[in-house]
All heavy atoms as atom14 arrays in JSON, in Angstrom:
{
  "sequence": "QAMSAGRAWQPPVQNAANRHSIFMDVELWDYEEDGKRRWSCPFLAA",
  "atom14_mask": [
    [1, 1, 1, 1, 1, 1, 1, 1, 1, 0, 0, 0, 0, 0],
    [1, 1, 1, 1, 1, 0, 0, 0, 0, 0, 0, 0, 0, 0],
    [1, 1, 1, 1, 1, 1, 1, 1, 0, 0, 0, 0, 0, 0],
    [1, 1, 1, 1, 1, 1, 0, 0, 0, 0, 0, 0, 0, 0],
    [1, 1, 1, 1, 1, 0, 0, 0, 0, 0, 0, 0, 0, 0],
    [1, 1, 1, 1, 0, 0, 0, 0, 0, 0, 0, 0, 0, 0],
    [1, 1, 1, 1, 1, 1, 1, 1, 1, 1, 1, 0, 0, 0],
    [1, 1, 1, 1, 1, 0, 0, 0, 0, 0, 0, 0, 0, 0],
    [1, 1, 1, 1, 1, 1, 1, 1, 1, 1, 1, 1, 1, 1],
    [1, 1, 1, 1, 1, 1, 1, 1, 1, 0, 0, 0, 0, 0],
    [1, 1, 1, 1, 1, 1, 1, 0, 0, 0, 0, 0, 0, 0],
    [1, 1, 1, 1, 1, 1, 1, 0, 0, 0, 0, 0, 0, 0],
    [1, 1, 1, 1, 1, 1, 1, 0, 0, 0, 0, 0, 0, 0],
    [1, 1, 1, 1, 1, 1, 1, 1, 1, 0, 0, 0, 0, 0],
    [1, 1, 1, 1, 1, 1, 1, 1, 0, 0, 0, 0, 0, 0],
    [1, 1, 1, 1, 1, 0, 0, 0, 0, 0, 0, 0, 0, 0],
    [1, 1, 1, 1, 1, 0, 0, 0, 0, 0, 0, 0, 0, 0],
    [1, 1, 1, 1, 1, 1, 1, 1, 0, 0, 0, 0, 0, 0],
    [1, 1, 1, 1, 1, 1, 1, 1, 1, 1, 1, 0, 0, 0],
    [1, 1, 1, 1, 1, 1, 1, 1, 1, 1, 0, 0, 0, 0],
    [1, 1, 1, 1, 1, 1, 0, 0, 0, 0, 0, 0, 0, 0],
    [1, 1, 1, 1, 1, 1, 1, 1, 0, 0, 0, 0, 0, 0],
    [1, 1, 1, 1, 1, 1, 1, 1, 1, 1, 1, 0, 0, 0],
    [1, 1, 1, 1, 1, 1, 1, 1, 0, 0, 0, 0, 0, 0],
    [1, 1, 1, 1, 1, 1, 1, 1, 0, 0, 0, 0, 0, 0],
    [1, 1, 1, 1, 1, 1, 1, 0, 0, 0, 0, 0, 0, 0],
    [1, 1, 1, 1, 1, 1, 1, 1, 1, 0, 0, 0, 0, 0],
    [1, 1, 1, 1, 1, 1, 1, 1, 0, 0, 0, 0, 0, 0],
    [1, 1, 1, 1, 1, 1, 1, 1, 1, 1, 1, 1, 1, 1],
    [1, 1, 1, 1, 1, 1, 1, 1, 0, 0, 0, 0, 0, 0],
    [1, 1, 1, 1, 1, 1, 1, 1, 1, 1, 1, 1, 0, 0],
    [1, 1, 1, 1, 1, 1, 1, 1, 1, 0, 0, 0, 0, 0],
    [1, 1, 1, 1, 1, 1, 1, 1, 1, 0, 0, 0, 0, 0],
    [1, 1, 1, 1, 1, 1, 1, 1, 0, 0, 0, 0, 0, 0],
    [1, 1, 1, 1, 0, 0, 0, 0, 0, 0, 0, 0, 0, 0],
    [1, 1, 1, 1, 1, 1, 1, 1, 1, 0, 0, 0, 0, 0],
    [1, 1, 1, 1, 1, 1, 1, 1, 1, 1, 1, 0, 0, 0],
    [1, 1, 1, 1, 1, 1, 1, 1, 1, 1, 1, 0, 0, 0],
    [1, 1, 1, 1, 1, 1, 1, 1, 1, 1, 1, 1, 1, 1],
    [1, 1, 1, 1, 1, 1, 0, 0, 0, 0, 0, 0, 0, 0],
    [1, 1, 1, 1, 1, 1, 0, 0, 0, 0, 0, 0, 0, 0],
    [1, 1, 1, 1, 1, 1, 1, 0, 0, 0, 0, 0, 0, 0],
    [1, 1, 1, 1, 1, 1, 1, 1, 1, 1, 1, 0, 0, 0],
    [1, 1, 1, 1, 1, 1, 1, 1, 0, 0, 0, 0, 0, 0],
    [1, 1, 1, 1, 1, 0, 0, 0, 0, 0, 0, 0, 0, 0],
    [1, 1, 1, 1, 1, 0, 0, 0, 0, 0, 0, 0, 0, 0]
  ],
  "atom14_positions": [
    [[169.32, 68.65, -0.1], [169.99, 68.48, -1.36], [170.51, 67.05, -1.47], [170.79, 66.39, -0.49], [171.16, 69.46, -1.49], [170.7, 70.92, -1.54], [171.88, 71.86, -1.69], [173.03, 71.44, -1.58], [171.58, 73.12, -1.94], [0.0, 0.0, 0.0], [0.0, 0.0, 0.0], [0.0, 0.0, 0.0], [0.0, 0.0, 0.0], [0.0, 0.0, 0.0]],
    [[170.63, 66.58, -2.7], [171.13, 65.23, -2.93], [172.53, 65.1, -2.36], [173.36, 66.0, -2.48], [171.15, 64.96, -4.44], [0.0, 0.0, 0.0], [0.0, 0.0, 0.0], [0.0, 0.0, 0.0], [0.0, 0.0, 0.0], [0.0, 0.0, 0.0], [0.0, 0.0, 0.0], [0.0, 0.0, 0.0], [0.0, 0.0, 0.0], [0.0, 0.0, 0.0]],
    [[172.78, 63.95, -1.75], [174.08, 63.59, -1.2], [174.45, 64.4, 0.05], [175.55, 64.31, 0.54], [175.21, 63.75, -2.26], [174.98, 63.0, -3.57], [174.79, 61.21, -3.28], [176.48, 60.81, -2.79], [0.0, 0.0, 0.0], [0.0, 0.0, 0.0], [0.0, 0.0, 0.0], [0.0, 0.0, 0.0], [0.0, 0.0, 0.0], [0.0, 0.0, 0.0]],
    [[173.53, 65.26, 0.53], [173.84, 66.06, 1.71], [173.34, 65.35, 2.96], [172.39, 64.56, 2.9], [173.21, 67.46, 1.63], [171.79, 67.35, 1.66], [0.0, 0.0, 0.0], [0.0, 0.0, 0.0], [0.0, 0.0, 0.0], [0.0, 0.0, 0.0], [0.0, 0.0, 0.0], [0.0, 0.0, 0.0], [0.0, 0.0, 0.0], [0.0, 0.0, 0.0]],
    [[173.97, 65.64, 4.06], [173.56, 65.02, 5.33], [172.19, 65.58, 5.76], [171.95, 66.77, 5.64], [174.6, 65.28, 6.4], [0.0, 0.0, 0.0], [0.0, 0.0, 0.0], [0.0, 0.0, 0.0], [0.0, 0.0, 0.0], [0.0, 0.0, 0.0], [0.0, 0.0, 0.0], [0.0, 0.0, 0.0], [0.0, 0.0, 0.0], [0.0, 0.0, 0.0]],
    [[171.34, 64.72, 6.24], [170.03, 65.16, 6.7], [170.15, 66.0, 7.98], [171.11, 65.89, 8.74], [0.0, 0.0, 0.0], [0.0, 0.0, 0.0], [0.0, 0.0, 0.0], [0.0, 0.0, 0.0], [0.0, 0.0, 0.0], [0.0, 0.0, 0.0], [0.0, 0.0, 0.0], [0.0, 0.0, 0.0], [0.0, 0.0, 0.0], [0.0, 0.0, 0.0]],
    [[169.13, 66.85, 8.17], [169.12, 67.7, 9.35], [168.73, 66.89, 10.56], [167.72, 66.17, 10.55], [168.14, 68.86, 9.14], [168.16, 69.89, 10.23], [167.22, 71.03, 9.88], [167.31, 72.11, 10.82], [166.6, 73.24, 10.73], [165.75, 73.4, 9.74], [166.72, 74.18, 11.63], [0.0, 0.0, 0.0], [0.0, 0.0, 0.0], [0.0, 0.0, 0.0]],
    [[169.51, 66.98, 11.61], [169.23, 66.22, 12.82], [167.93, 66.68, 13.47], [167.64, 67.88, 13.51], [170.39, 66.33, 13.81], [0.0, 0.0, 0.0], [0.0, 0.0, 0.0], [0.0, 0.0, 0.0], [0.0, 0.0, 0.0], [0.0, 0.0, 0.0], [0.0, 0.0, 0.0], [0.0, 0.0, 0.0], [0.0, 0.0, 0.0], [0.0, 0.0, 0.0]],
    [[167.15, 65.72, 13.96], [165.89, 66.05, 14.63], [166.16, 66.78, 15.93], [167.11, 66.48, 16.66], [165.11, 64.76, 14.93], [163.82, 65.02, 15.69], [162.64, 65.42, 15.15], [163.62, 64.89, 17.09], [161.7, 65.55, 16.15], [162.27, 65.22, 17.36], [164.44, 64.52, 18.16], [161.73, 65.2, 18.64], [163.89, 64.49, 19.43], [162.56, 64.84, 19.66]],
    [[165.35, 67.78, 16.22], [165.44, 68.5, 17.47], [164.09, 68.48, 18.16], [163.05, 68.65, 17.49], [165.88, 69.97, 17.23], [167.27, 70.1, 16.66], [167.65, 71.56, 16.41], [166.89, 72.46, 16.78], [168.79, 71.78, 15.81], [0.0, 0.0, 0.0], [0.0, 0.0, 0.0], [0.0, 0.0, 0.0], [0.0, 0.0, 0.0], [0.0, 0.0, 0.0]],
    [[164.05, 68.3, 19.47], [162.78, 68.23, 20.17], [162.16, 69.6, 20.39], [162.88, 70.61, 20.36], [163.15, 67.61, 21.52], [164.56, 68.09, 21.74], [165.2, 68.12, 20.38], [0.0, 0.0, 0.0], [0.0, 0.0, 0.0], [0.0, 0.0, 0.0], [0.0, 0.0, 0.0], [0.0, 0.0, 0.0], [0.0, 0.0, 0.0], [0.0, 0.0, 0.0]],
    [[160.84, 69.68, 20.58], [160.24, 70.94, 20.99], [160.69, 71.28, 22.42], [161.05, 70.39, 23.19], [158.74, 70.67, 20.93], [158.63, 69.2, 21.15], [159.85, 68.6, 20.52], [0.0, 0.0, 0.0], [0.0, 0.0, 0.0], [0.0, 0.0, 0.0], [0.0, 0.0, 0.0], [0.0, 0.0, 0.0], [0.0, 0.0, 0.0], [0.0, 0.0, 0.0]],
    [[160.67, 72.56, 22.74], [161.12, 73.01, 24.05], [160.11, 73.99, 24.64], [159.72, 74.95, 23.97], [162.51, 73.69, 23.98], [162.95, 74.16, 25.37], [163.54, 72.73, 23.39], [0.0, 0.0, 0.0], [0.0, 0.0, 0.0], [0.0, 0.0, 0.0], [0.0, 0.0, 0.0], [0.0, 0.0, 0.0], [0.0, 0.0, 0.0], [0.0, 0.0, 0.0]],
    [[159.69, 73.74, 25.85], [158.77, 74.64, 26.52], [159.52, 75.86, 27.05], [160.6, 75.75, 27.6], [158.1, 73.93, 27.7], [157.18, 74.82, 28.53], [156.75, 74.15, 29.83], [157.16, 73.03, 30.13], [155.92, 74.85, 30.6], [0.0, 0.0, 0.0], [0.0, 0.0, 0.0], [0.0, 0.0, 0.0], [0.0, 0.0, 0.0], [0.0, 0.0, 0.0]],
    [[158.95, 77.05, 26.85], [159.51, 78.23, 27.48], [159.36, 78.13, 29.0], [158.33, 77.68, 29.5], [158.78, 79.51, 26.99], [159.09, 79.81, 25.55], [159.99, 79.22, 24.94], [158.35, 80.74, 24.98], [0.0, 0.0, 0.0], [0.0, 0.0, 0.0], [0.0, 0.0, 0.0], [0.0, 0.0, 0.0], [0.0, 0.0, 0.0], [0.0, 0.0, 0.0]],
    [[160.36, 78.55, 29.73], [160.33, 78.55, 31.2], [159.97, 77.19, 31.75], [159.19, 77.05, 32.7], [159.32, 79.6, 31.71], [0.0, 0.0, 0.0], [0.0, 0.0, 0.0], [0.0, 0.0, 0.0], [0.0, 0.0, 0.0], [0.0, 0.0, 0.0], [0.0, 0.0, 0.0], [0.0, 0.0, 0.0], [0.0, 0.0, 0.0], [0.0, 0.0, 0.0]],
    [[160.56, 76.15, 31.15], [160.31, 74.8, 31.61], [160.9, 74.59, 33.0], [161.95, 75.15, 33.34], [160.91, 73.79, 30.63], [0.0, 0.0, 0.0], [0.0, 0.0, 0.0], [0.0, 0.0, 0.0], [0.0, 0.0, 0.0], [0.0, 0.0, 0.0], [0.0, 0.0, 0.0], [0.0, 0.0, 0.0], [0.0, 0.0, 0.0], [0.0, 0.0, 0.0]],
    [[160.23, 73.76, 33.79], [160.71, 73.4, 35.11], [161.4, 72.04, 34.99], [160.79, 70.98, 35.09], [159.55, 73.34, 36.11], [160.01, 73.02, 37.51], [161.21, 73.02, 37.8], [159.07, 72.73, 38.4], [0.0, 0.0, 0.0], [0.0, 0.0, 0.0], [0.0, 0.0, 0.0], [0.0, 0.0, 0.0], [0.0, 0.0, 0.0], [0.0, 0.0, 0.0]],
    [[162.72, 72.07, 34.74], [163.56, 70.89, 34.53], [163.26, 70.2, 33.22], [164.12, 70.01, 32.39], [163.44, 69.91, 35.69], [163.95, 70.49, 37.02], [163.95, 69.41, 38.1], [164.41, 69.96, 39.39], [164.47, 69.28, 40.5], [164.12, 67.99, 40.53], [164.87, 69.85, 41.62], [0.0, 0.0, 0.0], [0.0, 0.0, 0.0], [0.0, 0.0, 0.0]],
    [[162.02, 69.76, 33.02], [161.67, 69.06, 31.8], [160.52, 69.81, 31.1], [159.67, 70.38, 31.77], [161.25, 67.62, 32.06], [162.35, 66.77, 32.63], [162.64, 66.72, 33.97], [163.23, 65.94, 32.02], [163.66, 65.9, 34.18], [164.02, 65.41, 33.02], [0.0, 0.0, 0.0], [0.0, 0.0, 0.0], [0.0, 0.0, 0.0], [0.0, 0.0, 0.0]],
    [[160.54, 69.77, 29.77], [159.54, 70.49, 29.0], [158.2, 69.74, 28.98], [158.18, 68.51, 28.88], [160.02, 70.7, 27.57], [161.02, 71.67, 27.5], [0.0, 0.0, 0.0], [0.0, 0.0, 0.0], [0.0, 0.0, 0.0], [0.0, 0.0, 0.0], [0.0, 0.0, 0.0], [0.0, 0.0, 0.0], [0.0, 0.0, 0.0], [0.0, 0.0, 0.0]],
    [[157.14, 70.5, 29.05], [155.79, 70.01, 28.76], [155.27, 70.92, 27.66], [154.77, 72.01, 27.91], [154.88, 70.05, 29.99], [155.47, 69.24, 31.13], [153.48, 69.54, 29.63], [154.69, 69.3, 32.43], [0.0, 0.0, 0.0], [0.0, 0.0, 0.0], [0.0, 0.0, 0.0], [0.0, 0.0, 0.0], [0.0, 0.0, 0.0], [0.0, 0.0, 0.0]],
    [[155.51, 70.48, 26.43], [155.22, 71.34, 25.28], [153.75, 71.22, 24.89], [153.19, 70.13, 24.83], [156.12, 70.93, 24.1], [155.91, 71.79, 22.88], [156.47, 73.05, 22.8], [155.13, 71.34, 21.82], [156.28, 73.84, 21.67], [154.94, 72.11, 20.7], [155.51, 73.37, 20.62], [0.0, 0.0, 0.0], [0.0, 0.0, 0.0], [0.0, 0.0, 0.0]],
    [[153.12, 72.34, 24.6], [151.71, 72.38, 24.24], [151.54, 73.22, 22.98], [152.01, 74.35, 22.9], [150.88, 73.0, 25.39], [149.43, 73.31, 25.07], [148.39, 71.84, 24.86], [148.33, 71.22, 26.54], [0.0, 0.0, 0.0], [0.0, 0.0, 0.0], [0.0, 0.0, 0.0], [0.0, 0.0, 0.0], [0.0, 0.0, 0.0], [0.0, 0.0, 0.0]],
    [[150.9, 72.63, 21.98], [150.58, 73.33, 20.74], [149.08, 73.26, 20.55], [148.5, 72.18, 20.44], [151.3, 72.68, 19.57], [151.69, 73.68, 18.48], [151.22, 74.82, 18.54], [152.46, 73.3, 17.58], [0.0, 0.0, 0.0], [0.0, 0.0, 0.0], [0.0, 0.0, 0.0], [0.0, 0.0, 0.0], [0.0, 0.0, 0.0], [0.0, 0.0, 0.0]],
    [[148.41, 74.41, 20.55], [146.96, 74.47, 20.63], [146.36, 74.98, 19.32], [146.75, 76.04, 18.83], [146.5, 75.39, 21.78], [144.99, 75.37, 21.93], [147.17, 75.0, 23.08], [0.0, 0.0, 0.0], [0.0, 0.0, 0.0], [0.0, 0.0, 0.0], [0.0, 0.0, 0.0], [0.0, 0.0, 0.0], [0.0, 0.0, 0.0], [0.0, 0.0, 0.0]],
    [[145.39, 74.25, 18.78], [144.66, 74.69, 17.6], [143.53, 75.63, 18.02], [142.7, 75.26, 18.86], [144.1, 73.48, 16.85], [143.46, 73.83, 15.53], [142.97, 72.59, 14.78], [142.45, 71.67, 15.44], [143.11, 72.55, 13.55], [0.0, 0.0, 0.0], [0.0, 0.0, 0.0], [0.0, 0.0, 0.0], [0.0, 0.0, 0.0], [0.0, 0.0, 0.0]],
    [[143.51, 76.82, 17.44], [142.49, 77.79, 17.79], [141.26, 77.72, 16.9], [140.17, 78.05, 17.31], [143.07, 79.22, 17.75], [144.32, 79.46, 18.59], [144.73, 80.92, 18.53], [144.13, 79.01, 20.03], [0.0, 0.0, 0.0], [0.0, 0.0, 0.0], [0.0, 0.0, 0.0], [0.0, 0.0, 0.0], [0.0, 0.0, 0.0], [0.0, 0.0, 0.0]],
    [[141.44, 77.35, 15.64], [140.32, 77.09, 14.74], [140.8, 76.06, 13.71], [141.99, 75.87, 13.49], [139.81, 78.35, 14.05], [140.76, 78.97, 13.05], [140.91, 78.64, 11.74], [141.7, 80.04, 13.29], [141.86, 79.43, 11.14], [142.35, 80.31, 12.07], [142.0, 80.8, 14.41], [143.31, 81.29, 11.95], [142.99, 81.79, 14.29], [143.62, 82.03, 13.08]],
    [[139.83, 75.34, 13.11], [140.23, 74.28, 12.19], [139.88, 74.57, 10.74], [140.43, 73.92, 9.84], [139.67, 72.92, 12.65], [138.15, 72.89, 12.69], [137.52, 73.93, 12.42], [137.61, 71.82, 13.02], [0.0, 0.0, 0.0], [0.0, 0.0, 0.0], [0.0, 0.0, 0.0], [0.0, 0.0, 0.0], [0.0, 0.0, 0.0], [0.0, 0.0, 0.0]],
    [[138.96, 75.48, 10.47], [138.77, 75.86, 9.07], [138.1, 77.24, 9.03], [137.54, 77.74, 10.0], [137.95, 74.83, 8.3], [136.45, 74.88, 8.54], [135.63, 75.75, 7.81], [135.86, 74.04, 9.47], [134.26, 75.78, 8.02], [134.49, 74.07, 9.67], [133.7, 74.93, 8.95], [132.35, 74.97, 9.16], [0.0, 0.0, 0.0], [0.0, 0.0, 0.0]],
    [[138.21, 77.86, 7.86], [137.61, 79.18, 7.66], [136.91, 79.2, 6.31], [137.47, 78.76, 5.31], [138.71, 80.26, 7.69], [138.2, 81.68, 7.58], [139.28, 82.71, 7.81], [140.42, 82.32, 8.13], [138.99, 83.92, 7.68], [0.0, 0.0, 0.0], [0.0, 0.0, 0.0], [0.0, 0.0, 0.0], [0.0, 0.0, 0.0], [0.0, 0.0, 0.0]],
    [[135.67, 79.66, 6.31], [134.89, 79.7, 5.07], [134.09, 81.01, 5.05], [133.39, 81.33, 6.01], [133.96, 78.5, 5.02], [133.17, 78.4, 3.7], [132.33, 77.14, 3.63], [132.53, 76.24, 4.46], [131.46, 77.07, 2.75], [0.0, 0.0, 0.0], [0.0, 0.0, 0.0], [0.0, 0.0, 0.0], [0.0, 0.0, 0.0], [0.0, 0.0, 0.0]],
    [[134.25, 81.75, 3.96], [133.57, 83.03, 3.79], [133.88, 83.96, 4.96], [132.98, 84.7, 5.45], [132.06, 82.84, 3.65], [131.68, 82.03, 2.42], [132.41, 82.14, 1.41], [130.68, 81.29, 2.46], [0.0, 0.0, 0.0], [0.0, 0.0, 0.0], [0.0, 0.0, 0.0], [0.0, 0.0, 0.0], [0.0, 0.0, 0.0], [0.0, 0.0, 0.0]],
    [[135.13, 83.92, 5.41], [135.54, 84.8, 6.5], [135.09, 84.37, 7.88], [135.34, 85.07, 8.86], [0.0, 0.0, 0.0], [0.0, 0.0, 0.0], [0.0, 0.0, 0.0], [0.0, 0.0, 0.0], [0.0, 0.0, 0.0], [0.0, 0.0, 0.0], [0.0, 0.0, 0.0], [0.0, 0.0, 0.0], [0.0, 0.0, 0.0], [0.0, 0.0, 0.0]],
    [[134.42, 83.21, 7.97], [133.92, 82.72, 9.27], [134.72, 81.49, 9.69], [134.83, 80.53, 8.94], [132.44, 82.4, 9.18], [131.79, 82.03, 10.51], [130.31, 81.82, 10.36], [129.65, 81.51, 11.7], [128.2, 81.31, 11.6], [0.0, 0.0, 0.0], [0.0, 0.0, 0.0], [0.0, 0.0, 0.0], [0.0, 0.0, 0.0], [0.0, 0.0, 0.0]],
    [[135.26, 81.52, 10.89], [136.07, 80.42, 11.4], [135.26, 79.52, 12.31], [134.34, 79.99, 12.99], [137.27, 80.96, 12.18], [138.26, 81.72, 11.32], [139.3, 82.42, 12.18], [140.37, 82.97, 11.36], [140.94, 84.15, 11.59], [140.55, 84.9, 12.6], [141.92, 84.58, 10.81], [0.0, 0.0, 0.0], [0.0, 0.0, 0.0], [0.0, 0.0, 0.0]],
    [[135.65, 78.24, 12.34], [135.08, 77.34, 13.33], [136.11, 77.22, 14.46], [137.14, 76.61, 14.31], [134.78, 75.95, 12.78], [134.08, 75.06, 13.82], [133.58, 73.77, 13.22], [134.69, 72.87, 12.88], [134.51, 71.62, 12.45], [133.29, 71.17, 12.24], [135.56, 70.88, 12.13], [0.0, 0.0, 0.0], [0.0, 0.0, 0.0], [0.0, 0.0, 0.0]],
    [[135.78, 77.84, 15.59], [136.71, 77.94, 16.7], [136.81, 76.6, 17.42], [135.85, 75.84, 17.47], [136.27, 79.03, 17.67], [136.12, 80.36, 17.02], [134.97, 80.96, 16.63], [137.18, 81.26, 16.66], [135.23, 82.17, 16.05], [136.57, 82.39, 16.06], [138.57, 81.23, 16.78], [137.32, 83.46, 15.59], [139.31, 82.3, 16.32], [138.69, 83.4, 15.72]],
    [[137.96, 76.35, 18.01], [138.17, 75.11, 18.74], [137.56, 75.19, 20.14], [137.34, 76.28, 20.68], [139.67, 74.8, 18.86], [140.3, 75.73, 19.72], [0.0, 0.0, 0.0], [0.0, 0.0, 0.0], [0.0, 0.0, 0.0], [0.0, 0.0, 0.0], [0.0, 0.0, 0.0], [0.0, 0.0, 0.0], [0.0, 0.0, 0.0], [0.0, 0.0, 0.0]],
    [[137.34, 74.03, 20.74], [136.8, 73.95, 22.1], [137.72, 74.67, 23.08], [137.23, 75.45, 23.93], [136.57, 72.5, 22.48], [135.86, 72.28, 24.14], [0.0, 0.0, 0.0], [0.0, 0.0, 0.0], [0.0, 0.0, 0.0], [0.0, 0.0, 0.0], [0.0, 0.0, 0.0], [0.0, 0.0, 0.0], [0.0, 0.0, 0.0], [0.0, 0.0, 0.0]],
    [[139.05, 74.45, 23.07], [139.9, 75.16, 24.03], [139.84, 76.67, 23.88], [139.88, 77.4, 24.88], [141.31, 74.63, 23.71], [141.09, 73.29, 23.1], [139.81, 73.43, 22.32], [0.0, 0.0, 0.0], [0.0, 0.0, 0.0], [0.0, 0.0, 0.0], [0.0, 0.0, 0.0], [0.0, 0.0, 0.0], [0.0, 0.0, 0.0], [0.0, 0.0, 0.0]],
    [[139.76, 77.17, 22.62], [139.73, 78.62, 22.46], [138.44, 79.21, 22.99], [138.43, 80.24, 23.68], [139.93, 79.0, 20.99], [140.2, 80.48, 20.82], [141.29, 81.08, 21.42], [139.35, 81.25, 20.05], [141.52, 82.43, 21.27], [139.58, 82.61, 19.88], [140.68, 83.21, 20.5], [0.0, 0.0, 0.0], [0.0, 0.0, 0.0], [0.0, 0.0, 0.0]],
    [[137.3, 78.57, 22.71], [136.02, 79.04, 23.25], [136.01, 78.95, 24.79], [135.46, 79.81, 25.46], [134.86, 78.24, 22.67], [134.6, 78.44, 21.18], [133.45, 77.54, 20.72], [134.29, 79.9, 20.86], [0.0, 0.0, 0.0], [0.0, 0.0, 0.0], [0.0, 0.0, 0.0], [0.0, 0.0, 0.0], [0.0, 0.0, 0.0], [0.0, 0.0, 0.0]],
    [[136.64, 77.88, 25.32], [136.72, 77.75, 26.79], [137.59, 78.85, 27.4], [137.32, 79.29, 28.53], [137.26, 76.37, 27.15], [0.0, 0.0, 0.0], [0.0, 0.0, 0.0], [0.0, 0.0, 0.0], [0.0, 0.0, 0.0], [0.0, 0.0, 0.0], [0.0, 0.0, 0.0], [0.0, 0.0, 0.0], [0.0, 0.0, 0.0], [0.0, 0.0, 0.0]],
    [[138.61, 79.29, 26.67], [139.43, 80.42, 27.15], [138.61, 81.71, 27.18], [138.69, 82.5, 28.12], [140.66, 80.58, 26.27], [0.0, 0.0, 0.0], [0.0, 0.0, 0.0], [0.0, 0.0, 0.0], [0.0, 0.0, 0.0], [0.0, 0.0, 0.0], [0.0, 0.0, 0.0], [0.0, 0.0, 0.0], [0.0, 0.0, 0.0], [0.0, 0.0, 0.0]]
  ]
}
C-alpha cells in the first residue's frame, strides 16, 4: 500500500539444514500443451 513500509526480504531455508541451508528448487516440467508436458532433465533422471 502507498506510504506503507515494504516487507523485509527473507532468505529461503532448507528443511533439516546442517548448520547452513543449501536450498534447492527444482523445475519438473517447463510447458504443457494439449495435456502433454515437456519434462525436465532432473525429473526424467529421477
